PDB file of N, CA and C in Angstrom:
ATOM      1  N   UNK A   1      87.759  86.861  98.733  1.00  0.00           N
ATOM      2  CA  UNK A   1      87.242  87.804  99.048  1.00  0.00           C
ATOM      3  C   UNK A   1      86.023  88.646  98.225  1.00  0.00           C
ATOM      4  N   UNK A   2      85.476  89.459  99.160  1.00  0.00           N
ATOM      5  CA  UNK A   2      84.189  90.169  98.840  1.00  0.00           C
ATOM      6  C   UNK A   2      84.557  91.465  98.436  1.00  0.00           C
ATOM      7  N   UNK A   3      85.697  92.354  98.746  1.00  0.00           N
ATOM      8  CA  UNK A   3      85.756  93.605  98.311  1.00  0.00           C
ATOM      9  C   UNK A   3      86.125  93.538  97.021  1.00  0.00           C
ATOM     10  N   UNK A   4      85.872  94.826  95.989  1.00  0.00           N
ATOM     11  CA  UNK A   4      85.769  94.639  95.058  1.00  0.00           C
ATOM     12  C   UNK A   4      87.452  95.532  94.954  1.00  0.00           C
ATOM     13  N   UNK A   5      87.806  95.526  93.224  1.00  0.00           N
ATOM     14  CA  UNK A   5      89.379  95.585  93.114  1.00  0.00           C
ATOM     15  C   UNK A   5      89.878  97.208  94.047  1.00  0.00           C
ATOM     16  N   UNK A   6      88.839  98.040  93.500  1.00  0.00           N
ATOM     17  CA  UNK A   6      89.268  99.181  93.880  1.00  0.00           C
ATOM     18  C   UNK A   6      89.137  99.233  95.699  1.00  0.00           C
ATOM     19  N   UNK A   7      88.720  98.789  95.729  1.00  0.00           N
ATOM     20  CA  UNK A   7      88.746  98.749  97.625  1.00  0.00           C
ATOM     21  C   UNK A   7      89.822  97.945  98.187  1.00  0.00           C
ATOM     22  N   UNK A   8      90.355  96.763  97.153  1.00  0.00           N
ATOM     23  CA  UNK A   8      91.595  96.112  97.943  1.00  0.00           C
ATOM     24  C   UNK A   8      92.491  97.003  97.692  1.00  0.00           C
ATOM     25  N   UNK A   9      92.608  97.587  96.514  1.00  0.00           N
ATOM     26  CA  UNK A   9      94.173  98.521  95.950  1.00  0.00           C
ATOM     27  C   UNK A   9      93.918  99.739  97.319  1.00  0.00           C
ATOM     28  N   UNK A  10      92.885 100.236  97.610  1.00  0.00           N
ATOM     29  CA  UNK A  10      92.933 101.038  98.630  1.00  0.00           C
ATOM     30  C   UNK A  10      93.399 100.669  99.854  1.00  0.00           C
ATOM     31  N   UNK A  11      92.868  99.453 100.141  1.00  0.00           N
ATOM     32  CA  UNK A  11      93.735  99.004 101.832  1.00  0.00           C
ATOM     33  C   UNK A  11      94.864  98.861 101.497  1.00  0.00           C
ATOM     34  N   UNK A  12      95.188  98.203 100.165  1.00  0.00           N
ATOM     35  CA  UNK A  12      97.126  97.889 100.119  1.00  0.00           C
ATOM     36  C   UNK A  12      97.572  98.720 100.301  1.00  0.00           C
ATOM     37  N   UNK A  13      97.303  99.985  99.961  1.00  0.00           N
ATOM     38  CA  UNK A  13      97.579 101.224  99.554  1.00  0.00           C
ATOM     39  C   UNK A  13      97.822 102.082 101.236  1.00  0.00           C
ATOM     40  N   UNK A  14      97.103 101.642 101.937  1.00  0.00           N
ATOM     41  CA  UNK A  14      96.744 101.842 103.381  1.00  0.00           C
ATOM     42  C   UNK A  14      97.988 101.074 104.287  1.00  0.00           C
ATOM     43  N   UNK A  15      98.563 100.145 104.158  1.00  0.00           N
ATOM     44  CA  UNK A  15      98.961  99.066 104.790  1.00  0.00           C
ATOM     45  C   UNK A  15      99.978  99.118 104.038  1.00  0.00           C
ATOM     46  N   UNK A  16     100.398  99.061 102.873  1.00  0.00           N
ATOM     47  CA  UNK A  16     101.569  98.759 102.029  1.00  0.00           C
ATOM     48  C   UNK A  16     102.269  99.998 101.962  1.00  0.00           C
ATOM     49  N   UNK A  17     101.426 101.203 101.308  1.00  0.00           N
ATOM     50  CA  UNK A  17     102.027 102.158 100.513  1.00  0.00           C
ATOM     51  C   UNK A  17     101.836 102.047  98.749  1.00  0.00           C
ATOM     52  N   UNK A  18     101.965 103.618  98.322  1.00  0.00           N
ATOM     53  CA  UNK A  18     101.184 103.335  96.648  1.00  0.00           C
ATOM     54  C   UNK A  18     102.731 102.804  96.116  1.00  0.00           C
ATOM     55  N   UNK A  19     103.817 103.110  96.303  1.00  0.00           N
ATOM     56  CA  UNK A  19     104.859 102.853  95.601  1.00  0.00           C
ATOM     57  C   UNK A  19     104.784 101.167  95.971  1.00  0.00           C
ATOM     58  N   UNK A  20     105.002 100.636  97.181  1.00  0.00           N
ATOM     59  CA  UNK A  20     104.762  98.804  96.801  1.00  0.00           C
ATOM     60  C   UNK A  20     103.748  98.652  96.313  1.00  0.00           C
ATOM     61  N   UNK A  21     102.534  99.241  96.393  1.00  0.00           N
ATOM     62  CA  UNK A  21     101.035  98.484  95.357  1.00  0.00           C
ATOM     63  C   UNK A  21     101.340  98.743  93.960  1.00  0.00           C
ATOM     64  N   UNK A  22     102.329  99.800  93.294  1.00  0.00           N
ATOM     65  CA  UNK A  22     102.156  99.803  91.941  1.00  0.00           C
ATOM     66  C   UNK A  22     103.745  98.612  91.736  1.00  0.00           C
ATOM     67  N   UNK A  23     104.483  98.083  92.535  1.00  0.00           N
ATOM     68  CA  UNK A  23     105.453  97.667  92.200  1.00  0.00           C
ATOM     69  C   UNK A  23     104.520  95.880  92.037  1.00  0.00           C
ATOM     70  N   UNK A  24     103.875  95.742  92.768  1.00  0.00           N
ATOM     71  CA  UNK A  24     103.133  94.613  92.850  1.00  0.00           C
ATOM     72  C   UNK A  24     101.710  94.549  91.457  1.00  0.00           C
ATOM     73  N   UNK A  25     101.485  95.682  91.254  1.00  0.00           N
ATOM     74  CA  UNK A  25     100.879  95.872  90.336  1.00  0.00           C
ATOM     75  C   UNK A  25     101.532  95.572  88.729  1.00  0.00           C
ATOM     76  N   UNK A  26     102.943  95.745  88.802  1.00  0.00           N
ATOM     77  CA  UNK A  26     103.678  95.830  87.252  1.00  0.00           C
ATOM     78  C   UNK A  26     104.114  96.727  86.568  1.00  0.00           C
ATOM     79  N   UNK A  27     103.703  98.043  87.670  1.00  0.00           N
ATOM     80  CA  UNK A  27     103.622  99.332  86.985  1.00  0.00           C
ATOM     81  C   UNK A  27     105.078 100.163  87.997  1.00  0.00           C
ATOM     82  N   UNK A  28     105.603 101.432  87.309  1.00  0.00           N
ATOM     83  CA  UNK A  28     106.302 101.853  87.996  1.00  0.00           C
ATOM     84  C   UNK A  28     105.909 103.452  88.701  1.00  0.00           C
ATOM     85  N   UNK A  29     104.455 103.683  87.977  1.00  0.00           N
ATOM     86  CA  UNK A  29     103.908 105.255  88.473  1.00  0.00           C
ATOM     87  C   UNK A  29     102.983 105.027  89.462  1.00  0.00           C
ATOM     88  N   UNK A  30     103.039 105.126  90.762  1.00  0.00           N
ATOM     89  CA  UNK A  30     101.991 105.382  91.671  1.00  0.00           C
ATOM     90  C   UNK A  30     100.674 106.159  91.090  1.00  0.00           C
ATOM     91  N   UNK A  31     100.411 106.541  89.894  1.00  0.00           N
ATOM     92  CA  UNK A  31      99.509 107.413  89.077  1.00  0.00           C
ATOM     93  C   UNK A  31      98.822 106.382  88.836  1.00  0.00           C
ATOM     94  N   UNK A  32      99.454 105.169  88.227  1.00  0.00           N
ATOM     95  CA  UNK A  32      98.498 104.146  87.897  1.00  0.00           C
ATOM     96  C   UNK A  32      97.171 103.302  89.005  1.00  0.00           C
ATOM     97  N   UNK A  33      98.157 103.495  90.510  1.00  0.00           N
ATOM     98  CA  UNK A  33      97.732 103.295  91.672  1.00  0.00           C
ATOM     99  C   UNK A  33      96.255 103.469  91.755  1.00  0.00           C
ATOM    100  N   UNK A  34      96.018 105.533  91.607  1.00  0.00           N
ATOM    101  CA  UNK A  34      95.466 106.006  91.851  1.00  0.00           C
ATOM    102  C   UNK A  34      94.187 105.531  91.086  1.00  0.00           C
ATOM    103  N   UNK A  35      94.385 105.215  89.835  1.00  0.00           N
ATOM    104  CA  UNK A  35      93.725 104.975  88.931  1.00  0.00           C
ATOM    105  C   UNK A  35      92.993 104.141  88.916  1.00  0.00           C
ATOM    106  N   UNK A  36      93.541 102.864  89.697  1.00  0.00           N
ATOM    107  CA  UNK A  36      92.928 101.202  89.883  1.00  0.00           C
ATOM    108  C   UNK A  36      91.908 101.837  91.155  1.00  0.00           C
ATOM    109  N   UNK A  37      91.949 102.859  91.864  1.00  0.00           N
ATOM    110  CA  UNK A  37      91.179 102.971  92.968  1.00  0.00           C
ATOM    111  C   UNK A  37      89.841 103.644  92.709  1.00  0.00           C
ATOM    112  N   UNK A  38      90.517 104.650  91.458  1.00  0.00           N
ATOM    113  CA  UNK A  38      89.112 104.980  90.779  1.00  0.00           C
ATOM    114  C   UNK A  38      88.565 104.090  89.954  1.00  0.00           C
ATOM    115  N   UNK A  39      88.746 102.405  90.051  1.00  0.00           N
ATOM    116  CA  UNK A  39      87.757 101.787  89.207  1.00  0.00           C
ATOM    117  C   UNK A  39      88.263 101.145  87.984  1.00  0.00           C
ATOM    118  N   UNK A  40      89.591 101.750  87.816  1.00  0.00           N
ATOM    119  CA  UNK A  40      90.668 101.132  86.768  1.00  0.00           C
ATOM    120  C   UNK A  40      91.511  99.742  87.093  1.00  0.00           C
ATOM    121  N   UNK A  41      90.686  98.655  85.673  1.00  0.00           N
ATOM    122  CA  UNK A  41      91.232  97.463  86.264  1.00  0.00           C
ATOM    123  C   UNK A  41      92.474  97.549  86.389  1.00  0.00           C
ATOM    124  N   UNK A  42      93.792  97.183  87.031  1.00  0.00           N
ATOM    125  CA  UNK A  42      94.980  96.497  87.285  1.00  0.00           C
ATOM    126  C   UNK A  42      95.288  95.389  86.459  1.00  0.00           C
ATOM    127  N   UNK A  43      96.664  95.678  85.678  1.00  0.00           N
ATOM    128  CA  UNK A  43      97.088  94.894  85.333  1.00  0.00           C
ATOM    129  C   UNK A  43      96.989  93.292  85.767  1.00  0.00           C
ATOM    130  N   UNK A  44      97.317  92.913  87.126  1.00  0.00           N
ATOM    131  CA  UNK A  44      97.695  91.968  87.874  1.00  0.00           C
ATOM    132  C   UNK A  44      96.421  91.965  89.055  1.00  0.00           C
ATOM    133  N   UNK A  45      95.639  91.870  88.709  1.00  0.00           N
ATOM    134  CA  UNK A  45      94.350  91.604  90.004  1.00  0.00           C
ATOM    135  C   UNK A  45      94.465  90.653  90.984  1.00  0.00           C
ATOM    136  N   UNK A  46      94.818  89.333  90.003  1.00  0.00           N
ATOM    137  CA  UNK A  46      95.299  88.311  91.129  1.00  0.00           C
ATOM    138  C   UNK A  46      96.274  88.323  92.466  1.00  0.00           C
ATOM    139  N   UNK A  47      97.437  89.107  91.774  1.00  0.00           N
ATOM    140  CA  UNK A  47      98.905  89.224  92.506  1.00  0.00           C
ATOM    141  C   UNK A  47      98.300  90.444  93.961  1.00  0.00           C
ATOM    142  N   UNK A  48      97.219  91.341  93.366  1.00  0.00           N
ATOM    143  CA  UNK A  48      97.051  92.500  94.376  1.00  0.00           C
ATOM    144  C   UNK A  48      96.225  91.697  95.128  1.00  0.00           C
ATOM    145  N   UNK A  49      95.317  91.272  95.043  1.00  0.00           N
ATOM    146  CA  UNK A  49      94.336  90.624  95.829  1.00  0.00           C
ATOM    147  C   UNK A  49      95.271  88.992  96.769  1.00  0.00           C
ATOM    148  N   UNK A  50      96.045  88.638  96.346  1.00  0.00           N
ATOM    149  CA  UNK A  50      96.747  87.830  96.651  1.00  0.00           C
ATOM    150  C   UNK A  50      97.864  88.446  97.902  1.00  0.00           C
ATOM    151  N   UNK A  51      98.625  90.118  97.679  1.00  0.00           N
ATOM    152  CA  UNK A  51      99.241  90.615  98.731  1.00  0.00           C
ATOM    153  C   UNK A  51      98.142  90.928  99.425  1.00  0.00           C
ATOM    154  N   UNK A  52      97.101  91.351  99.042  1.00  0.00           N
ATOM    155  CA  UNK A  52      96.060  92.176 100.274  1.00  0.00           C
ATOM    156  C   UNK A  52      95.688  90.564 101.014  1.00  0.00           C
ATOM    157  N   UNK A  53      95.743  89.348 100.789  1.00  0.00           N
ATOM    158  CA  UNK A  53      95.114  88.317 101.942  1.00  0.00           C
ATOM    159  C   UNK A  53      96.712  88.321 102.709  1.00  0.00           C
ATOM    160  N   UNK A  54      98.148  87.742 102.176  1.00  0.00           N
ATOM    161  CA  UNK A  54      98.700  87.897 102.712  1.00  0.00           C
ATOM    162  C   UNK A  54      99.104  89.234 103.639  1.00  0.00           C
ATOM    163  N   UNK A  55      98.913  90.396 103.606  1.00  0.00           N
ATOM    164  CA  UNK A  55      99.200  90.942 104.188  1.00  0.00           C
ATOM    165  C   UNK A  55      98.131  91.090 105.777  1.00  0.00           C
ATOM    166  N   UNK A  56      96.878  90.296 105.454  1.00  0.00           N
ATOM    167  CA  UNK A  56      95.766  90.516 106.228  1.00  0.00           C
ATOM    168  C   UNK A  56      96.591  88.968 107.640  1.00  0.00           C
ATOM    169  N   UNK A  57      97.144  88.244 106.888  1.00  0.00           N
ATOM    170  CA  UNK A  57      97.643  87.087 107.167  1.00  0.00           C
ATOM    171  C   UNK A  57      98.491  87.558 108.321  1.00  0.00           C
ATOM    172  N   UNK A  58      99.593  88.246 108.135  1.00  0.00           N
ATOM    173  CA  UNK A  58     100.479  88.718 108.984  1.00  0.00           C
ATOM    174  C   UNK A  58     100.610  89.784 109.347  1.00  0.00           C
ATOM    175  N   UNK A  59      99.596  90.567 109.266  1.00  0.00           N
ATOM    176  CA  UNK A  59      99.208  91.726 110.178  1.00  0.00           C
ATOM    177  C   UNK A  59      97.603  91.787 110.100  1.00  0.00           C
ATOM    178  N   UNK A  60      96.839  91.404 110.804  1.00  0.00           N
ATOM    179  CA  UNK A  60      95.538  91.315 110.510  1.00  0.00           C
ATOM    180  C   UNK A  60      95.100  92.364 111.296  1.00  0.00           C
ATOM    181  N   UNK A  61      95.614  93.186 112.332  1.00  0.00           N
ATOM    182  CA  UNK A  61      95.568  94.408 112.612  1.00  0.00           C
ATOM    183  C   UNK A  61      95.965  95.578 111.400  1.00  0.00           C
ATOM    184  N   UNK A  62      96.158  95.106 110.257  1.00  0.00           N
ATOM    185  CA  UNK A  62      96.486  96.455 109.131  1.00  0.00           C
ATOM    186  C   UNK A  62      97.712  97.092 109.699  1.00  0.00           C
ATOM    187  N   UNK A  63      98.709  96.673 110.323  1.00  0.00           N
ATOM    188  CA  UNK A  63      99.733  97.393 110.644  1.00  0.00           C
ATOM    189  C   UNK A  63     100.733  97.699 109.959  1.00  0.00           C
ATOM    190  N   UNK A  64     100.911  98.643 109.213  1.00  0.00           N
ATOM    191  CA  UNK A  64     101.913  98.679 107.922  1.00  0.00           C
ATOM    192  C   UNK A  64     103.252  98.643 108.246  1.00  0.00           C
ATOM    193  N   UNK A  65     103.953  98.752 109.194  1.00  0.00           N
ATOM    194  CA  UNK A  65     105.008  98.599 109.645  1.00  0.00           C
ATOM    195  C   UNK A  65     105.411  97.365 109.439  1.00  0.00           C
ATOM    196  N   UNK A  66     104.692  96.522 109.830  1.00  0.00           N
ATOM    197  CA  UNK A  66     104.784  94.736 110.109  1.00  0.00           C
ATOM    198  C   UNK A  66     104.595  94.302 108.917  1.00  0.00           C
ATOM    199  N   UNK A  67     103.725  94.769 107.798  1.00  0.00           N
ATOM    200  CA  UNK A  67     103.003  94.075 106.914  1.00  0.00           C
ATOM    201  C   UNK A  67     104.601  94.446 105.752  1.00  0.00           C
ATOM    202  N   UNK A  68     105.301  95.855 105.940  1.00  0.00           N
ATOM    203  CA  UNK A  68     106.195  96.286 105.263  1.00  0.00           C
ATOM    204  C   UNK A  68     107.265  95.314 105.196  1.00  0.00           C
ATOM    205  N   UNK A  69     107.732  95.551 107.066  1.00  0.00           N
ATOM    206  CA  UNK A  69     108.632  94.611 106.999  1.00  0.00           C
ATOM    207  C   UNK A  69     108.964  93.240 106.792  1.00  0.00           C
ATOM    208  N   UNK A  70     107.547  92.317 106.661  1.00  0.00           N
ATOM    209  CA  UNK A  70     107.570  91.260 106.376  1.00  0.00           C
ATOM    210  C   UNK A  70     107.448  91.273 104.595  1.00  0.00           C
ATOM    211  N   UNK A  71     107.107  92.448 104.315  1.00  0.00           N
ATOM    212  CA  UNK A  71     107.026  92.012 102.611  1.00  0.00           C
ATOM    213  C   UNK A  71     108.215  92.070 101.851  1.00  0.00           C
ATOM    214  N   UNK A  72     109.381  93.571 102.639  1.00  0.00           N
ATOM    215  CA  UNK A  72     110.901  93.677 101.982  1.00  0.00           C
ATOM    216  C   UNK A  72     111.485  92.643 103.139  1.00  0.00           C
ATOM    217  N   UNK A  73     111.618  92.037 103.623  1.00  0.00           N
ATOM    218  CA  UNK A  73     112.439  91.295 104.439  1.00  0.00           C
ATOM    219  C   UNK A  73     113.052  89.992 103.668  1.00  0.00           C
ATOM    220  N   UNK A  74     114.327  89.568 103.980  1.00  0.00           N
ATOM    221  CA  UNK A  74     114.843  88.486 103.547  1.00  0.00           C
ATOM    222  C   UNK A  74     114.143  87.232 104.495  1.00  0.00           C
ATOM    223  N   UNK A  75     113.597  86.272 103.938  1.00  0.00           N
ATOM    224  CA  UNK A  75     112.781  85.394 104.797  1.00  0.00           C
ATOM    225  C   UNK A  75     113.550  83.836 104.271  1.00  0.00           C
ATOM    226  N   UNK A  76     113.968  83.251 105.611  1.00  0.00           N
ATOM    227  CA  UNK A  76     114.545  82.004 105.395  1.00  0.00           C
ATOM    228  C   UNK A  76     113.155  80.984 104.961  1.00  0.00           C
ATOM    229  N   UNK A  77     112.082  81.169 104.953  1.00  0.00           N
ATOM    230  CA  UNK A  77     111.216  80.209 104.658  1.00  0.00           C
ATOM    231  C   UNK A  77     110.376  80.183 103.133  1.00  0.00           C
ATOM    232  N   UNK A  78     111.840  81.356 102.292  1.00  0.00           N
ATOM    233  CA  UNK A  78     111.517  81.463 101.029  1.00  0.00           C
ATOM    234  C   UNK A  78     112.964  81.467 100.807  1.00  0.00           C
ATOM    235  N   UNK A  79     113.643  80.353 101.094  1.00  0.00           N
ATOM    236  CA  UNK A  79     115.048  80.570 100.623  1.00  0.00           C
ATOM    237  C   UNK A  79     116.009  82.011 100.797  1.00  0.00           C
ATOM    238  N   UNK A  80     115.839  82.614 101.519  1.00  0.00           N
ATOM    239  CA  UNK A  80     116.203  83.655 101.676  1.00  0.00           C
ATOM    240  C   UNK A  80     115.670  84.880 100.546  1.00  0.00           C
ATOM    241  N   UNK A  81     114.347  84.053 100.126  1.00  0.00           N
ATOM    242  CA  UNK A  81     113.734  85.184  98.720  1.00  0.00           C
ATOM    243  C   UNK A  81     113.102  86.736  99.651  1.00  0.00           C
ATOM    244  N   UNK A  82     112.633  87.506  99.109  1.00  0.00           N
ATOM    245  CA  UNK A  82     112.034  88.663  99.583  1.00  0.00           C
ATOM    246  C   UNK A  82     110.697  88.861  98.846  1.00  0.00           C
ATOM    247  N   UNK A  83     109.420  88.451  99.683  1.00  0.00           N
ATOM    248  CA  UNK A  83     107.986  88.071  99.156  1.00  0.00           C
ATOM    249  C   UNK A  83     108.000  89.432  98.028  1.00  0.00           C
ATOM    250  N   UNK A  84     108.292  90.661  98.615  1.00  0.00           N
ATOM    251  CA  UNK A  84     107.904  91.592  97.121  1.00  0.00           C
ATOM    252  C   UNK A  84     108.323  91.318  95.959  1.00  0.00           C
ATOM    253  N   UNK A  85     109.619  90.900  95.986  1.00  0.00           N
ATOM    254  CA  UNK A  85     110.707  90.116  95.114  1.00  0.00           C
ATOM    255  C   UNK A  85     109.648  89.146  94.352  1.00  0.00           C
ATOM    256  N   UNK A  86     109.534  88.448  95.115  1.00  0.00           N
ATOM    257  CA  UNK A  86     108.941  87.173  94.421  1.00  0.00           C
ATOM    258  C   UNK A  86     107.820  87.547  93.832  1.00  0.00           C
ATOM    259  N   UNK A  87     106.999  88.424  94.213  1.00  0.00           N
ATOM    260  CA  UNK A  87     105.448  88.540  93.745  1.00  0.00           C
ATOM    261  C   UNK A  87     105.766  89.541  92.430  1.00  0.00           C
ATOM    262  N   UNK A  88     106.665  90.382  92.250  1.00  0.00           N
ATOM    263  CA  UNK A  88     106.757  91.270  91.549  1.00  0.00           C
ATOM    264  C   UNK A  88     107.467  90.738  90.347  1.00  0.00           C
ATOM    265  N   UNK A  89     108.027  89.208  90.459  1.00  0.00           N
ATOM    266  CA  UNK A  89     108.956  88.836  89.187  1.00  0.00           C
ATOM    267  C   UNK A  89     108.388  87.665  88.916  1.00  0.00           C
ATOM    268  N   UNK A  90     107.712  86.613  89.565  1.00  0.00           N
ATOM    269  CA  UNK A  90     107.527  85.640  89.345  1.00  0.00           C
ATOM    270  C   UNK A  90     105.850  84.929  89.042  1.00  0.00           C
ATOM    271  N   UNK A  91     105.874  84.305  88.435  1.00  0.00           N
ATOM    272  CA  UNK A  91     104.237  84.044  88.065  1.00  0.00           C
ATOM    273  C   UNK A  91     103.587  83.332  89.661  1.00  0.00           C
ATOM    274  N   UNK A  92     102.641  83.681  90.085  1.00  0.00           N
ATOM    275  CA  UNK A  92     101.513  83.818  90.664  1.00  0.00           C
ATOM    276  C   UNK A  92     101.580  81.845  91.497  1.00  0.00           C
ATOM    277  N   UNK A  93     101.482  81.765  90.346  1.00  0.00           N
ATOM    278  CA  UNK A  93     100.939  79.998  90.055  1.00  0.00           C
ATOM    279  C   UNK A  93     102.219  79.455  90.719  1.00  0.00           C
ATOM    280  N   UNK A  94     104.047  80.035  90.501  1.00  0.00           N
ATOM    281  CA  UNK A  94     104.908  79.280  91.849  1.00  0.00           C
ATOM    282  C   UNK A  94     105.289  79.875  92.171  1.00  0.00           C
ATOM    283  N   UNK A  95     104.852  80.157  93.152  1.00  0.00           N
ATOM    284  CA  UNK A  95     105.178  81.235  94.182  1.00  0.00           C
ATOM    285  C   UNK A  95     104.058  81.418  95.350  1.00  0.00           C
ATOM    286  N   UNK A  96     102.707  80.958  94.802  1.00  0.00           N
ATOM    287  CA  UNK A  96     101.855  81.383  95.878  1.00  0.00           C
ATOM    288  C   UNK A  96     101.491  80.274  97.432  1.00  0.00           C
ATOM    289  N   UNK A  97     102.310  79.129  96.760  1.00  0.00           N
ATOM    290  CA  UNK A  97     101.986  77.957  98.142  1.00  0.00           C
ATOM    291  C   UNK A  97     103.120  77.912  98.974  1.00  0.00           C
ATOM    292  N   UNK A  98     104.064  78.569  98.758  1.00  0.00           N
ATOM    293  CA  UNK A  98     105.298  79.036  99.487  1.00  0.00           C
ATOM    294  C   UNK A  98     105.215  80.375 100.060  1.00  0.00           C
ATOM    295  N   UNK A  99     104.866  81.335  99.425  1.00  0.00           N
ATOM    296  CA  UNK A  99     104.206  82.625 100.207  1.00  0.00           C
ATOM    297  C   UNK A  99     102.988  82.276 101.350  1.00  0.00           C
ATOM    298  N   UNK A 100     101.969  81.361 101.018  1.00  0.00           N
ATOM    299  CA  UNK A 100     101.425  81.446 101.921  1.00  0.00           C
ATOM    300  C   UNK A 100     101.797  80.536 103.202  1.00  0.00           C
ATOM    301  N   UNK A 101     102.637  79.740 102.793  1.00  0.00           N
ATOM    302  CA  UNK A 101     103.133  78.844 104.069  1.00  0.00           C
ATOM    303  C   UNK A 101     104.107  79.973 104.786  1.00  0.00           C
ATOM    304  N   UNK A 102     104.979  80.477 104.102  1.00  0.00           N
ATOM    305  CA  UNK A 102     105.704  81.312 104.982  1.00  0.00           C
ATOM    306  C   UNK A 102     104.638  82.905 105.819  1.00  0.00           C
ATOM    307  N   UNK A 103     104.029  83.002 105.102  1.00  0.00           N
ATOM    308  CA  UNK A 103     103.179  83.803 106.005  1.00  0.00           C
ATOM    309  C   UNK A 103     101.948  83.276 107.118  1.00  0.00           C
ATOM    310  N   UNK A 104     102.128  82.059 106.902  1.00  0.00           N
ATOM    311  CA  UNK A 104     101.240  81.211 108.095  1.00  0.00           C
ATOM    312  C   UNK A 104     102.307  81.322 108.993  1.00  0.00           C
ATOM    313  N   UNK A 105     103.970  80.582 109.192  1.00  0.00           N
ATOM    314  CA  UNK A 105     104.977  80.681 110.056  1.00  0.00           C
ATOM    315  C   UNK A 105     104.958  81.433 110.610  1.00  0.00           C
ATOM    316  N   UNK A 106     105.022  82.932 109.651  1.00  0.00           N
ATOM    317  CA  UNK A 106     104.997  84.343 110.592  1.00  0.00           C
ATOM    318  C   UNK A 106     104.280  84.386 111.156  1.00  0.00           C
ATOM    319  N   UNK A 107     102.913  84.269 110.702  1.00  0.00           N
ATOM    320  CA  UNK A 107     101.638  84.453 111.721  1.00  0.00           C
ATOM    321  C   UNK A 107     101.603  83.578 113.319  1.00  0.00           C
ATOM    322  N   UNK A 108     101.969  82.322 113.020  1.00  0.00           N
ATOM    323  CA  UNK A 108     101.908  81.711 114.376  1.00  0.00           C
ATOM    324  C   UNK A 108     103.244  82.075 114.830  1.00  0.00           C
ATOM    325  N   UNK A 109     104.300  82.433 114.796  1.00  0.00           N
ATOM    326  CA  UNK A 109     105.299  82.491 115.506  1.00  0.00           C
ATOM    327  C   UNK A 109     104.839  84.023 116.358  1.00  0.00           C
ATOM    328  N   UNK A 110     104.232  85.144 115.212  1.00  0.00           N
ATOM    329  CA  UNK A 110     103.729  86.106 116.041  1.00  0.00           C
ATOM    330  C   UNK A 110     102.434  86.138 116.847  1.00  0.00           C
ATOM    331  N   UNK A 111     101.787  85.351 116.958  1.00  0.00           N
ATOM    332  CA  UNK A 111     100.881  84.576 117.729  1.00  0.00           C
ATOM    333  C   UNK A 111      99.287  85.116 117.095  1.00  0.00           C
ATOM    334  N   UNK A 112      99.483  84.954 115.522  1.00  0.00           N
ATOM    335  CA  UNK A 112      98.026  85.410 115.093  1.00  0.00           C
ATOM    336  C   UNK A 112      97.817  84.148 114.464  1.00  0.00           C
ATOM    337  N   UNK A 113      96.143  83.861 114.362  1.00  0.00           N
ATOM    338  CA  UNK A 113      96.018  82.755 113.823  1.00  0.00           C
ATOM    339  C   UNK A 113      95.463  83.127 112.238  1.00  0.00           C
ATOM    340  N   UNK A 114      95.861  82.549 110.921  1.00  0.00           N
ATOM    341  CA  UNK A 114      95.125  82.480 109.983  1.00  0.00           C
ATOM    342  C   UNK A 114      94.742  81.134 109.370  1.00  0.00           C
TER     343      UNK A 114
END
C-alpha cells in the first residue's frame, strides 16, 4: 500500500472509529490515535495496515457499518473467533492467513471481488 501510516490511520478511523483503531493499535486511549494521524508512529503499524487491507476487502465502498459488523462479529470461518479480538490479542503471523481467507469468503458472498 502506498499510503503513509498517518493516512492509513485516518482512513481506518473513518471506517471503524477511533476506539476500534486504538484497540487494533494496542492502546486504550484514542488520544494516541490522534497522535498517529499527526505523524507519530504507532506501536503496531503492520496490524493497522493489515486491518485497513481487510476493511477494504470486506467493504470496498468504505461502509463503516458493514466493516464494523465484520470486525466485531463472530466468524464461523475463524472457529467463531471475532476478528477485532484476534487482531488485538494474537500475533499477526499467527492469524493473518485465516483472516484473509475469512475476508475473501465474506467479500465473495457479499458480491465483492478481492
